[in-house]
Amino acid sequence: MSAINTVVYVIHLLSVLGILVLLLLQSNKSPRTLNPGVLHASLAALIAGIILVGLHNSVKPDEELNHIKVGIKFIFLLVILVLGYVNLKKPVLPKKVWLTMLGLTLTNIVIASWR
């Protein structure tokens, strides 16, 4: 079970990193467009996070899961997904939407690393 947890954890980390990198790659472009990879990475991070929560009690039975932290991260990823799906077909990604998605991703990373 520990090996599965490690693999899912690495997938989750790479997915969140993928969201961040794909959003940052749009910073210099004059007409910002949403890369569909952001949606794929967001969905992969969301599914991997749900699997990690499900495996938590079997992998770390003595450690308490912080449900508030997990819930906030879940909501942030859902908002990123909704913003992505709404703006996927638009020819230009508005700066406010881009900054919101970037801010939510960075906040998600900060919350994850906070003890």
N, C-alpha and C. Protein backbone atom coordinates (compact mmCIF):
# COMPACT_ATOMS: atom_id res chain seq x y z
N MET A 1 0.82 -1.19 0.00
CA MET A 1 0.00 0.00 0.00
C MET A 1 0.86 1.26 0.00
N SER A 2 2.03 1.16 0.63
CA SER A 2 2.91 2.32 0.70
C SER A 2 3.45 2.69 -0.69
N ALA A 3 3.72 1.69 -1.52
CA ALA A 3 4.23 1.96 -2.86
C ALA A 3 3.17 2.65 -3.71
N ILE A 4 1.92 2.20 -3.58
CA ILE A 4 0.83 2.84 -4.32
C ILE A 4 0.67 4.29 -3.87
N ASN A 5 0.75 4.50 -2.56
CA ASN A 5 0.63 5.86 -2.02
C ASN A 5 1.75 6.75 -2.56
N THR A 6 2.95 6.22 -2.64
CA THR A 6 4.08 7.01 -3.14
C THR A 6 3.90 7.36 -4.61
N VAL A 7 3.46 6.42 -5.41
CA VAL A 7 3.23 6.67 -6.84
C VAL A 7 2.14 7.72 -7.03
N VAL A 8 1.05 7.59 -6.29
CA VAL A 8 -0.05 8.56 -6.41
C VAL A 8 0.40 9.94 -5.93
N TYR A 9 1.22 9.97 -4.88
CA TYR A 9 1.75 11.24 -4.36
C TYR A 9 2.63 11.94 -5.40
N VAL A 10 3.48 11.18 -6.07
CA VAL A 10 4.33 11.75 -7.12
C VAL A 10 3.48 12.27 -8.28
N ILE A 11 2.45 11.52 -8.65
CA ILE A 11 1.54 11.98 -9.71
C ILE A 11 0.86 13.27 -9.30
N HIS A 12 0.43 13.36 -8.04
CA HIS A 12 -0.21 14.58 -7.54
C HIS A 12 0.75 15.77 -7.58
N LEU A 13 1.97 15.56 -7.13
CA LEU A 13 2.96 16.65 -7.14
C LEU A 13 3.28 17.11 -8.56
N LEU A 14 3.47 16.16 -9.47
CA LEU A 14 3.78 16.52 -10.86
C LEU A 14 2.60 17.23 -11.52
N SER A 15 1.40 16.85 -11.16
CA SER A 15 0.21 17.50 -11.74
C SER A 15 0.11 18.95 -11.29
N VAL A 16 0.31 19.18 -10.01
CA VAL A 16 0.25 20.57 -9.51
C VAL A 16 1.40 21.39 -10.10
N LEU A 17 2.55 20.79 -10.22
CA LEU A 17 3.68 21.48 -10.86
C LEU A 17 3.37 21.76 -12.32
N GLY A 18 2.70 20.84 -12.99
CA GLY A 18 2.30 21.05 -14.38
C GLY A 18 1.34 22.21 -14.53
N ILE A 19 0.38 22.33 -13.60
CA ILE A 19 -0.54 23.47 -13.64
C ILE A 19 0.25 24.77 -13.54
N LEU A 20 1.16 24.82 -12.58
CA LEU A 20 1.94 26.04 -12.35
C LEU A 20 2.80 26.39 -13.56
N VAL A 21 3.49 25.41 -14.11
CA VAL A 21 4.38 25.66 -15.26
C VAL A 21 3.58 26.10 -16.48
N LEU A 22 2.47 25.42 -16.76
CA LEU A 22 1.68 25.77 -17.94
C LEU A 22 1.05 27.16 -17.81
N LEU A 23 0.70 27.55 -16.60
CA LEU A 23 0.18 28.91 -16.41
C LEU A 23 1.29 29.95 -16.52
N LEU A 24 2.45 29.63 -15.97
CA LEU A 24 3.56 30.58 -16.05
C LEU A 24 4.09 30.74 -17.47
N LEU A 25 3.96 29.71 -18.29
CA LEU A 25 4.40 29.83 -19.69
C LEU A 25 3.56 30.84 -20.47
N GLN A 26 2.36 31.14 -19.99
CA GLN A 26 1.50 32.10 -20.66
C GLN A 26 1.78 33.54 -20.23
N SER A 27 2.70 33.76 -19.31
CA SER A 27 2.91 35.11 -18.77
C SER A 27 3.48 36.07 -19.81
N ASN A 28 4.31 35.60 -20.71
CA ASN A 28 4.93 36.49 -21.70
C ASN A 28 4.14 36.62 -22.99
N LYS A 29 3.15 35.81 -23.18
CA LYS A 29 2.40 35.83 -24.44
C LYS A 29 1.43 37.00 -24.45
N SER A 30 1.36 37.67 -25.59
CA SER A 30 0.47 38.83 -25.67
C SER A 30 -1.01 38.43 -25.74
N PRO A 31 -1.45 37.53 -26.61
CA PRO A 31 -2.81 37.03 -26.41
C PRO A 31 -2.73 35.72 -25.62
N ARG A 32 -2.98 35.80 -24.33
CA ARG A 32 -2.93 34.59 -23.50
C ARG A 32 -4.06 33.64 -23.89
N THR A 33 -3.71 32.40 -24.06
CA THR A 33 -4.71 31.36 -24.28
C THR A 33 -4.51 30.29 -23.22
N LEU A 34 -5.56 29.56 -22.94
CA LEU A 34 -5.46 28.52 -21.93
C LEU A 34 -5.01 27.23 -22.59
N ASN A 35 -3.90 26.72 -22.12
CA ASN A 35 -3.40 25.44 -22.60
C ASN A 35 -4.28 24.33 -22.03
N PRO A 36 -4.79 23.43 -22.87
CA PRO A 36 -5.64 22.35 -22.35
C PRO A 36 -4.93 21.45 -21.33
N GLY A 37 -3.62 21.49 -21.33
CA GLY A 37 -2.87 20.72 -20.35
C GLY A 37 -3.14 21.15 -18.92
N VAL A 38 -3.53 22.42 -18.75
CA VAL A 38 -3.88 22.89 -17.40
C VAL A 38 -5.09 22.12 -16.88
N LEU A 39 -6.06 21.89 -17.75
CA LEU A 39 -7.24 21.14 -17.33
C LEU A 39 -6.89 19.68 -17.04
N HIS A 40 -6.06 19.09 -17.87
CA HIS A 40 -5.66 17.70 -17.67
C HIS A 40 -4.88 17.55 -16.36
N ALA A 41 -3.96 18.49 -16.13
CA ALA A 41 -3.16 18.44 -14.90
C ALA A 41 -4.04 18.69 -13.67
N SER A 42 -5.01 19.59 -13.80
CA SER A 42 -5.91 19.87 -12.67
C SER A 42 -6.75 18.65 -12.33
N LEU A 43 -7.27 18.01 -13.34
CA LEU A 43 -8.09 16.82 -13.11
C LEU A 43 -7.24 15.68 -12.54
N ALA A 44 -6.02 15.53 -13.04
CA ALA A 44 -5.13 14.49 -12.51
C ALA A 44 -4.77 14.78 -11.05
N ALA A 45 -4.51 16.05 -10.73
CA ALA A 45 -4.19 16.41 -9.34
C ALA A 45 -5.39 16.17 -8.43
N LEU A 46 -6.58 16.47 -8.92
CA LEU A 46 -7.80 16.28 -8.14
C LEU A 46 -8.04 14.79 -7.86
N ILE A 47 -7.93 13.97 -8.88
CA ILE A 47 -8.15 12.53 -8.71
C ILE A 47 -7.08 11.92 -7.82
N ALA A 48 -5.83 12.32 -8.03
CA ALA A 48 -4.75 11.80 -7.19
C ALA A 48 -4.92 12.24 -5.74
N GLY A 49 -5.39 13.46 -5.52
CA GLY A 49 -5.64 13.94 -4.16
C GLY A 49 -6.74 13.15 -3.48
N ILE A 50 -7.80 12.85 -4.22
CA ILE A 50 -8.89 12.06 -3.65
C ILE A 50 -8.40 10.65 -3.30
N ILE A 51 -7.56 10.08 -4.15
CA ILE A 51 -7.00 8.76 -3.86
C ILE A 51 -6.09 8.82 -2.63
N LEU A 52 -5.30 9.89 -2.51
CA LEU A 52 -4.43 10.04 -1.35
C LEU A 52 -5.23 10.13 -0.05
N VAL A 53 -6.34 10.85 -0.09
CA VAL A 53 -7.19 10.95 1.10
C VAL A 53 -7.77 9.58 1.43
N GLY A 54 -8.17 8.83 0.42
CA GLY A 54 -8.71 7.50 0.66
C GLY A 54 -7.69 6.52 1.21
N LEU A 55 -6.45 6.67 0.81
CA LEU A 55 -5.39 5.76 1.28
C LEU A 55 -4.77 6.19 2.60
N HIS A 56 -5.11 7.37 3.08
CA HIS A 56 -4.42 7.92 4.25
C HIS A 56 -4.51 7.03 5.48
N ASN A 57 -5.70 6.54 5.80
CA ASN A 57 -5.85 5.74 7.02
C ASN A 57 -5.14 4.40 6.95
N SER A 58 -5.00 3.83 5.76
CA SER A 58 -4.31 2.55 5.66
C SER A 58 -2.79 2.71 5.63
N VAL A 59 -2.32 3.85 5.14
CA VAL A 59 -0.88 4.06 5.06
C VAL A 59 -0.33 4.67 6.35
N LYS A 60 -1.06 5.63 6.91
CA LYS A 60 -0.63 6.31 8.13
C LYS A 60 -1.75 6.25 9.18
N PRO A 61 -1.96 5.10 9.81
CA PRO A 61 -3.08 4.97 10.74
C PRO A 61 -2.92 5.79 12.02
N ASP A 62 -1.69 6.11 12.40
CA ASP A 62 -1.47 6.86 13.64
C ASP A 62 -1.52 8.38 13.44
N GLU A 63 -1.55 8.82 12.19
CA GLU A 63 -1.53 10.25 11.89
C GLU A 63 -2.94 10.74 11.54
N GLU A 64 -3.33 11.86 12.13
CA GLU A 64 -4.66 12.45 11.90
C GLU A 64 -4.64 13.25 10.59
N LEU A 65 -5.68 13.09 9.79
CA LEU A 65 -5.80 13.82 8.53
C LEU A 65 -6.45 15.17 8.79
N ASN A 66 -5.87 16.23 8.25
CA ASN A 66 -6.41 17.57 8.42
C ASN A 66 -7.46 17.80 7.33
N HIS A 67 -8.73 17.62 7.71
CA HIS A 67 -9.81 17.69 6.73
C HIS A 67 -10.05 19.11 6.22
N ILE A 68 -9.75 20.10 7.03
CA ILE A 68 -9.91 21.50 6.59
C ILE A 68 -8.93 21.80 5.47
N LYS A 69 -7.70 21.38 5.66
CA LYS A 69 -6.67 21.59 4.64
C LYS A 69 -7.04 20.88 3.33
N VAL A 70 -7.49 19.66 3.45
CA VAL A 70 -7.87 18.88 2.27
C VAL A 70 -9.08 19.52 1.58
N GLY A 71 -10.04 19.98 2.36
CA GLY A 71 -11.23 20.61 1.80
C GLY A 71 -10.92 21.90 1.06
N ILE A 72 -10.04 22.72 1.61
CA ILE A 72 -9.66 23.98 0.96
C ILE A 72 -8.92 23.69 -0.35
N LYS A 73 -8.00 22.72 -0.32
CA LYS A 73 -7.27 22.36 -1.54
C LYS A 73 -8.22 21.81 -2.60
N PHE A 74 -9.22 21.03 -2.16
CA PHE A 74 -10.21 20.49 -3.08
C PHE A 74 -11.02 21.60 -3.74
N ILE A 75 -11.45 22.57 -2.95
CA ILE A 75 -12.22 23.69 -3.50
C ILE A 75 -11.37 24.51 -4.47
N PHE A 76 -10.11 24.75 -4.12
CA PHE A 76 -9.24 25.52 -5.02
C PHE A 76 -9.07 24.80 -6.36
N LEU A 77 -8.87 23.49 -6.33
CA LEU A 77 -8.72 22.75 -7.58
C LEU A 77 -10.01 22.74 -8.38
N LEU A 78 -11.15 22.65 -7.70
CA LEU A 78 -12.42 22.72 -8.41
C LEU A 78 -12.61 24.07 -9.09
N VAL A 79 -12.23 25.15 -8.41
CA VAL A 79 -12.35 26.49 -9.01
C VAL A 79 -11.43 26.61 -10.22
N ILE A 80 -10.22 26.07 -10.12
CA ILE A 80 -9.30 26.10 -11.26
C ILE A 80 -9.90 25.32 -12.44
N LEU A 81 -10.49 24.17 -12.15
CA LEU A 81 -11.12 23.39 -13.21
C LEU A 81 -12.29 24.12 -13.85
N VAL A 82 -13.15 24.72 -13.04
CA VAL A 82 -14.31 25.44 -13.58
C VAL A 82 -13.86 26.63 -14.41
N LEU A 83 -12.91 27.40 -13.90
CA LEU A 83 -12.40 28.54 -14.68
C LEU A 83 -11.77 28.06 -15.99
N GLY A 84 -11.08 26.94 -15.94
CA GLY A 84 -10.46 26.40 -17.14
C GLY A 84 -11.48 25.96 -18.17
N TYR A 85 -12.51 25.24 -17.73
CA TYR A 85 -13.52 24.77 -18.67
C TYR A 85 -14.34 25.92 -19.26
N VAL A 86 -14.58 26.96 -18.46
CA VAL A 86 -15.34 28.10 -18.97
C VAL A 86 -14.53 28.87 -20.01
N ASN A 87 -13.22 28.96 -19.83
CA ASN A 87 -12.39 29.79 -20.70
C ASN A 87 -11.57 29.00 -21.71
N LEU A 88 -11.84 27.71 -21.85
CA LEU A 88 -11.02 26.89 -22.75
C LEU A 88 -11.20 27.27 -24.22
N LYS A 89 -12.41 27.50 -24.64
CA LYS A 89 -12.68 27.77 -26.06
C LYS A 89 -12.54 29.24 -26.43
N LYS A 90 -12.32 30.10 -25.46
CA LYS A 90 -12.18 31.52 -25.76
C LYS A 90 -10.84 31.78 -26.43
N PRO A 91 -10.81 32.70 -27.41
CA PRO A 91 -9.55 32.96 -28.11
C PRO A 91 -8.50 33.65 -27.23
N VAL A 92 -8.96 34.40 -26.23
CA VAL A 92 -8.04 35.11 -25.35
C VAL A 92 -8.42 34.82 -23.90
N LEU A 93 -7.45 34.46 -23.10
CA LEU A 93 -7.68 34.23 -21.68
C LEU A 93 -7.56 35.57 -20.96
N PRO A 94 -8.62 36.05 -20.31
CA PRO A 94 -8.53 37.33 -19.60
C PRO A 94 -7.46 37.29 -18.50
N LYS A 95 -6.83 38.45 -18.31
CA LYS A 95 -5.75 38.53 -17.33
C LYS A 95 -6.24 38.22 -15.92
N LYS A 96 -7.46 38.65 -15.59
CA LYS A 96 -8.01 38.38 -14.26
C LYS A 96 -8.17 36.88 -14.02
N VAL A 97 -8.63 36.19 -15.03
CA VAL A 97 -8.81 34.73 -14.89
C VAL A 97 -7.45 34.06 -14.76
N TRP A 98 -6.50 34.48 -15.56
CA TRP A 98 -5.16 33.90 -15.50
C TRP A 98 -4.53 34.13 -14.13
N LEU A 99 -4.66 35.36 -13.62
CA LEU A 99 -4.09 35.67 -12.31
C LEU A 99 -4.82 34.91 -11.20
N THR A 100 -6.12 34.73 -11.34
CA THR A 100 -6.87 33.97 -10.34
C THR A 100 -6.41 32.52 -10.32
N MET A 101 -6.27 31.92 -11.49
CA MET A 101 -5.83 30.53 -11.56
C MET A 101 -4.40 30.38 -11.02
N LEU A 102 -3.54 31.33 -11.36
CA LEU A 102 -2.17 31.29 -10.88
C LEU A 102 -2.13 31.48 -9.36
N GLY A 103 -2.91 32.42 -8.86
CA GLY A 103 -2.95 32.66 -7.42
C GLY A 103 -3.49 31.48 -6.64
N LEU A 104 -4.53 30.84 -7.17
CA LEU A 104 -5.08 29.65 -6.51
C LEU A 104 -4.08 28.50 -6.52
N THR A 105 -3.35 28.36 -7.61
CA THR A 105 -2.34 27.30 -7.67
C THR A 105 -1.23 27.55 -6.66
N LEU A 106 -0.75 28.79 -6.60
CA LEU A 106 0.32 29.11 -5.64
C LEU A 106 -0.17 28.97 -4.20
N THR A 107 -1.40 29.40 -3.94
CA THR A 107 -1.97 29.26 -2.60
C THR A 107 -2.13 27.79 -2.24
N ASN A 108 -2.51 26.98 -3.21
CA ASN A 108 -2.64 25.55 -3.00
C ASN A 108 -1.30 24.93 -2.62
N ILE A 109 -0.23 25.37 -3.26
CA ILE A 109 1.11 24.87 -2.94
C ILE A 109 1.53 25.31 -1.55
N VAL A 110 1.24 26.56 -1.20
CA VAL A 110 1.60 27.06 0.13
C VAL A 110 0.83 26.30 1.21
N ILE A 111 -0.45 26.07 1.00
CA ILE A 111 -1.25 25.32 1.97
C ILE A 111 -0.73 23.90 2.12
N ALA A 112 -0.33 23.29 1.02
CA ALA A 112 0.18 21.91 1.08
C ALA A 112 1.49 21.83 1.86
N SER A 113 2.33 22.85 1.76
CA SER A 113 3.62 22.79 2.44
C SER A 113 3.54 23.33 3.87
N TRP A 114 2.43 23.90 4.26
CA TRP A 114 2.27 24.43 5.61
C TRP A 114 2.02 23.28 6.58
N ARG A 115 2.68 23.30 7.70
CA ARG A 115 2.51 22.22 8.69
C ARG A 115 1.54 22.62 9.72
